[in-house]
């Protein structure tokens, strides 16, 4: 079985973290080493995808 690999994008090198914040009562997504602050929301998956889009904008 041969697996095809895609080329890694520059932004893929950065850690993306989404965790629940009791203090903010929502999910908070951060990308240490790339951007300050974070993305907030009620849906963990949505926060992750929003964070990825923001990361792409920061890298440009």
Protein backbone atom coordinates (compact mmCIF):
# COMPACT_ATOMS: atom_id res chain seq x y z
CA UNK A 1 0.00 0.00 0.00
CA UNK A 2 1.42 3.36 -1.04
CA UNK A 3 0.38 6.45 0.90
CA UNK A 4 0.37 9.85 -0.71
CA UNK A 5 1.58 12.68 1.48
CA UNK A 6 0.71 16.31 0.99
CA UNK A 7 3.34 18.98 1.37
CA UNK A 8 3.30 20.48 4.84
CA UNK A 9 2.17 24.10 4.94
CA UNK A 10 4.32 26.61 6.88
CA UNK A 11 1.52 27.21 9.40
CA UNK A 12 1.34 23.48 10.19
CA UNK A 13 4.54 23.85 12.21
CA UNK A 14 2.72 25.82 14.90
CA UNK A 15 0.93 24.20 17.82
CA UNK A 16 -2.81 24.84 17.93
CA UNK A 17 -4.52 24.51 21.32
CA UNK A 18 -8.25 24.56 22.07
CA UNK A 19 -9.32 24.19 25.70
CA UNK A 20 -12.29 24.96 27.91
CA UNK A 21 -11.98 28.03 30.10
CA UNK A 22 -14.03 28.03 33.30
CA UNK A 23 -13.15 31.69 33.74
CA UNK A 24 -14.52 32.67 30.31
CA UNK A 25 -17.17 29.91 30.23
CA UNK A 26 -16.26 29.01 26.63
CA UNK A 27 -13.60 27.32 24.51
CA UNK A 28 -10.41 29.31 23.92
CA UNK A 29 -8.09 28.59 21.03
CA UNK A 30 -4.49 29.78 20.97
CA UNK A 31 -1.47 29.40 18.73
CA UNK A 32 1.62 30.04 20.90
CA UNK A 33 4.57 31.49 19.05
CA UNK A 34 2.44 32.91 16.26
CA UNK A 35 -0.27 35.17 17.64
CA UNK A 36 -1.21 36.83 20.91
CA UNK A 37 -4.70 36.49 22.28
CA UNK A 38 -6.98 33.78 21.02
CA UNK A 39 -10.25 32.69 19.51
CA UNK A 40 -13.30 32.21 21.78
CA UNK A 41 -16.53 30.32 21.21
CA UNK A 42 -19.10 27.80 22.38
CA UNK A 43 -18.15 25.07 19.88
CA UNK A 44 -14.74 23.41 20.20
CA UNK A 45 -14.48 22.38 16.53
CA UNK A 46 -15.58 25.78 15.28
CA UNK A 47 -13.00 27.51 17.50
CA UNK A 48 -10.29 25.22 16.07
CA UNK A 49 -11.23 26.00 12.45
CA UNK A 50 -11.49 29.74 13.15
CA UNK A 51 -8.06 29.58 14.75
CA UNK A 52 -6.64 27.87 11.64
CA UNK A 53 -8.07 30.62 9.40
CA UNK A 54 -6.60 33.34 11.64
CA UNK A 55 -3.25 31.56 11.61
CA UNK A 56 -3.19 31.63 7.80
CA UNK A 57 -3.87 35.38 7.80
CA UNK A 58 -1.08 36.03 10.32
CA UNK A 59 1.43 34.02 8.28
CA UNK A 60 0.84 36.12 5.12
